[in-house]
Amino acid sequence: MQQTVTFYLEQAAQCGRDADASTLPHQRERFLRSQAAWQKLADQRATTQAERLRIETEKAARA
């Protein structure tokens, strides 16, 4: 199942809000680590989508 960049960004934002609302230090750190992981997934997905678009454009131009 392919996830969209928007989904990943929404998850990262939610983790950030949860970290801000957290009163326990270890819980806050867990949310911040999760936020970083979701952001990394969003960045990777955006890069992959851009690369696929570039390849498709090049193929179309050669056809």
C-alpha atoms as a PDB file:
ATOM      1  CA  MET A   1       0.000   0.000   0.000  1.00  0.00           C
ATOM      2  CA  GLN A   2       1.482   3.284  -1.047  1.00  0.00           C
ATOM      3  CA  GLN A   3       1.193   6.160   1.355  1.00  0.00           C
ATOM      4  CA  THR A   4       1.090   9.768   0.307  1.00  0.00           C
ATOM      5  CA  VAL A   5       3.464  12.477   1.410  1.00  0.00           C
ATOM      6  CA  THR A   6       0.477  14.261   2.959  1.00  0.00           C
ATOM      7  CA  PHE A   7      -0.260  11.273   5.205  1.00  0.00           C
ATOM      8  CA  TYR A   8       3.326  11.168   6.443  1.00  0.00           C
ATOM      9  CA  LEU A   9       3.361  14.914   7.074  1.00  0.00           C
ATOM     10  CA  GLU A  10       0.079  14.698   8.993  1.00  0.00           C
ATOM     11  CA  GLN A  11       1.529  11.961  11.187  1.00  0.00           C
ATOM     12  CA  ALA A  12       4.676  14.016  11.826  1.00  0.00           C
ATOM     13  CA  ALA A  13       2.571  17.036  12.760  1.00  0.00           C
ATOM     14  CA  GLN A  14       0.452  14.969  15.132  1.00  0.00           C
ATOM     15  CA  CYS A  15       3.553  13.611  16.840  1.00  0.00           C
ATOM     16  CA  GLY A  16       4.804  17.172  17.232  1.00  0.00           C
ATOM     17  CA  ARG A  17       1.534  18.230  18.842  1.00  0.00           C
ATOM     18  CA  ASP A  18       1.623  15.178  21.102  1.00  0.00           C
ATOM     19  CA  ALA A  19       5.188  16.016  22.137  1.00  0.00           C
ATOM     20  CA  ASP A  20       4.179  19.577  22.983  1.00  0.00           C
ATOM     21  CA  ALA A  21       1.266  18.318  25.082  1.00  0.00           C
ATOM     22  CA  SER A  22       3.294  15.661  26.865  1.00  0.00           C
ATOM     23  CA  THR A  23       4.215  16.232  30.485  1.00  0.00           C
ATOM     24  CA  LEU A  24       6.583  13.277  30.819  1.00  0.00           C
ATOM     25  CA  PRO A  25      10.115  13.736  29.439  1.00  0.00           C
ATOM     26  CA  HIS A  26      10.498  10.167  28.139  1.00  0.00           C
ATOM     27  CA  GLN A  27       7.123  10.351  26.428  1.00  0.00           C
ATOM     28  CA  ARG A  28       8.033  13.691  24.842  1.00  0.00           C
ATOM     29  CA  GLU A  29      11.275  12.209  23.517  1.00  0.00           C
ATOM     30  CA  ARG A  30       9.396   9.243  22.044  1.00  0.00           C
ATOM     31  CA  PHE A  31       7.003  11.568  20.229  1.00  0.00           C
ATOM     32  CA  LEU A  32       9.894  13.655  18.914  1.00  0.00           C
ATOM     33  CA  ARG A  33      11.659  10.530  17.616  1.00  0.00           C
ATOM     34  CA  SER A  34       8.429   9.457  15.946  1.00  0.00           C
ATOM     35  CA  GLN A  35       8.025  12.905  14.430  1.00  0.00           C
ATOM     36  CA  ALA A  36      11.522  12.702  12.951  1.00  0.00           C
ATOM     37  CA  ALA A  37      10.816   9.237  11.538  1.00  0.00           C
ATOM     38  CA  TRP A  38       7.541  10.350   9.894  1.00  0.00           C
ATOM     39  CA  GLN A  39       9.287  13.405   8.453  1.00  0.00           C
ATOM     40  CA  LYS A  40      12.032  11.209   7.019  1.00  0.00           C
ATOM     41  CA  LEU A  41       9.412   8.974   5.384  1.00  0.00           C
ATOM     42  CA  ALA A  42       7.711  12.046   3.901  1.00  0.00           C
ATOM     43  CA  ASP A  43      11.019  13.322   2.531  1.00  0.00           C
ATOM     44  CA  GLN A  44      11.881   9.933   1.034  1.00  0.00           C
ATOM     45  CA  ARG A  45       8.444   9.594  -0.548  1.00  0.00           C
ATOM     46  CA  ALA A  46       8.648  13.086  -2.058  1.00  0.00           C
ATOM     47  CA  THR A  47      12.073  12.301  -3.496  1.00  0.00           C
ATOM     48  CA  THR A  48      10.812   9.026  -4.955  1.00  0.00           C
ATOM     49  CA  GLN A  49       7.799  10.701  -6.523  1.00  0.00           C
ATOM     50  CA  ALA A  50       9.952  13.426  -8.052  1.00  0.00           C
ATOM     51  CA  GLU A  51      12.377  10.865  -9.471  1.00  0.00           C
ATOM     52  CA  ARG A  52       9.558   8.782 -10.961  1.00  0.00           C
ATOM     53  CA  LEU A  53       8.077  11.877 -12.561  1.00  0.00           C
ATOM     54  CA  ARG A  54      11.482  12.805 -14.008  1.00  0.00           C
ATOM     55  CA  ILE A  55      11.940   9.313 -15.470  1.00  0.00           C
ATOM     56  CA  GLU A  56       8.426   9.269 -16.935  1.00  0.00           C
ATOM     57  CA  THR A  57       8.988  12.696 -18.483  1.00  0.00           C
ATOM     58  CA  GLU A  58      12.265  11.578 -20.035  1.00  0.00           C
ATOM     59  CA  LYS A  59      10.635   8.428 -21.430  1.00  0.00           C
ATOM     60  CA  ALA A  60       7.789  10.467 -22.897  1.00  0.00           C
ATOM     61  CA  ALA A  61      10.230  12.875 -24.504  1.00  0.00           C
ATOM     62  CA  ARG A  62      12.102  10.006 -26.180  1.00  0.00           C
ATOM     63  CA  ALA A  63       8.934   8.379 -27.506  1.00  0.00           C
END
